[in-house]
Amino acid sequence: MSRKIPEKWSSSLKAVKAVQVAFDIDEKIQFEIRKQALEAGLSPSDQIRSILDLPINLRPKRPRLTVSLSAQDYKILADKYQLKAEQQLEIKRKLMDDLVQYVNNDDKCD
């Protein structure tokens, strides 16, 4: 018996069928591929696809950085910013300010 896939899941069907391949290669090679990807404005995955002459989805991606923060991290940051650990949105704003300031200060040293 064939089961019909709900309409709202149909767009995810290709992703479900895809298989992620991980590469355990020399750190120098990984660094170079990541560097080339950054310079080309691509993700490392898209850079690998480009190297392998595979199609790349060139839809604009929202550029963002990510970091995982534990409950303990939020407590440390709350103390740093004189906030409560539950004020995660305000902590995020302060983190973004710190990152911008870090880069701006680094640019002045060059």
Protein backbone atom coordinates (compact mmCIF):
# COMPACT_ATOMS: atom_id res chain seq x y z
CA MET A 1 0.00 0.00 0.00
CA SER A 2 1.44 3.39 -1.04
CA ARG A 3 1.07 6.22 1.44
CA LYS A 4 0.37 9.71 0.17
CA ILE A 5 2.73 12.38 1.50
CA PRO A 6 0.99 15.44 2.98
CA GLU A 7 1.23 18.50 0.71
CA LYS A 8 3.07 20.56 3.32
CA TRP A 9 5.88 17.97 3.44
CA SER A 10 6.39 17.66 -0.32
CA SER A 11 8.99 20.46 -0.46
CA SER A 12 11.09 18.59 2.12
CA LEU A 13 11.05 15.34 0.15
CA LYS A 14 14.29 16.09 -1.75
CA ALA A 15 16.09 16.96 1.47
CA VAL A 16 14.92 13.71 3.07
CA LYS A 17 16.35 11.75 0.14
CA ALA A 18 19.70 13.58 0.22
CA VAL A 19 22.62 11.97 2.00
CA GLN A 20 25.15 14.10 3.83
CA VAL A 21 28.76 13.15 3.23
CA ALA A 22 31.41 14.14 5.76
CA PHE A 23 35.07 14.47 4.83
CA ASP A 24 37.87 13.64 7.25
CA ILE A 25 40.67 15.38 5.42
CA ASP A 26 43.76 17.27 6.44
CA GLU A 27 43.10 20.43 8.45
CA LYS A 28 45.10 22.50 5.95
CA ILE A 29 42.81 21.34 3.11
CA GLN A 30 39.68 22.05 5.16
CA PHE A 31 40.97 25.53 6.02
CA GLU A 32 41.72 26.31 2.36
CA ILE A 33 38.26 25.18 1.21
CA ARG A 34 36.59 27.25 3.96
CA LYS A 35 38.75 30.26 3.04
CA GLN A 36 37.87 29.95 -0.65
CA ALA A 37 34.18 29.61 0.26
CA LEU A 38 34.31 32.75 2.38
CA GLU A 39 36.07 34.69 -0.37
CA ALA A 40 33.50 33.49 -2.92
CA GLY A 41 30.55 34.24 -0.63
CA LEU A 42 29.61 30.57 -0.49
CA SER A 43 29.03 28.08 2.27
CA PRO A 44 31.73 25.42 2.61
CA SER A 45 29.18 22.90 1.30
CA ASP A 46 28.52 25.01 -1.81
CA GLN A 47 32.28 25.46 -2.31
CA ILE A 48 32.72 21.68 -2.28
CA ARG A 49 29.85 21.33 -4.78
CA SER A 50 31.55 23.94 -6.97
CA ILE A 51 34.89 22.10 -6.84
CA LEU A 52 33.11 18.87 -7.80
CA ASP A 53 31.23 20.61 -10.66
CA LEU A 54 27.87 19.95 -9.02
CA PRO A 55 24.98 22.43 -9.28
CA ILE A 56 24.78 25.09 -6.60
CA ASN A 57 21.60 26.79 -5.48
CA LEU A 58 22.57 30.45 -5.71
CA ARG A 59 19.54 31.77 -3.85
CA PRO A 60 20.59 34.57 -1.56
CA LYS A 61 21.17 33.22 1.92
CA ARG A 62 20.77 35.26 5.04
CA PRO A 63 24.31 35.78 6.28
CA ARG A 64 24.58 34.96 9.93
CA LEU A 65 26.93 33.67 12.54
CA THR A 66 25.85 31.16 15.13
CA VAL A 67 27.05 30.10 18.54
CA SER A 68 25.50 27.61 20.95
CA LEU A 69 24.97 28.98 24.44
CA SER A 70 24.25 26.81 27.46
CA ALA A 71 22.31 27.90 30.52
CA GLN A 72 25.68 28.40 32.24
CA ASP A 73 26.85 30.61 29.35
CA TYR A 74 23.76 32.79 29.78
CA LYS A 75 24.52 33.12 33.51
CA ILE A 76 28.10 34.21 32.76
CA LEU A 77 26.94 36.68 30.12
CA ALA A 78 24.15 37.99 32.33
CA ASP A 79 26.73 38.81 34.99
CA LYS A 80 28.98 40.43 32.38
CA TYR A 81 26.17 42.63 31.07
CA GLN A 82 24.50 43.16 34.45
CA LEU A 83 21.32 41.45 33.28
CA LYS A 84 19.30 38.42 34.31
CA ALA A 85 20.01 35.13 32.55
CA GLU A 86 16.36 35.05 31.43
CA GLN A 87 16.86 38.25 29.42
CA GLN A 88 18.19 36.29 26.47
CA LEU A 89 17.11 38.78 23.79
CA GLU A 90 18.89 41.64 25.55
CA ILE A 91 21.95 39.42 26.05
CA LYS A 92 21.89 38.69 22.31
CA ARG A 93 21.80 42.43 21.56
CA LYS A 94 24.79 43.00 23.83
CA LEU A 95 26.67 40.12 22.18
CA MET A 96 26.06 41.62 18.75
CA ASP A 97 27.33 44.99 19.98
CA ASP A 98 30.46 43.29 21.34
CA LEU A 99 31.10 41.52 18.03
CA VAL A 100 30.71 44.73 16.04
CA GLN A 101 32.99 46.58 18.45
CA TYR A 102 35.55 43.75 18.27
CA VAL A 103 35.71 43.93 14.47
CA ASN A 104 35.76 47.74 14.40
CA ASN A 105 38.61 47.84 16.92
CA ASP A 106 40.49 45.16 14.98
CA ASP A 107 40.14 47.21 11.77
CA LYS A 108 41.80 50.19 13.49
CA CYS A 109 44.84 48.05 14.37
CA ASP A 110 45.50 47.07 10.73
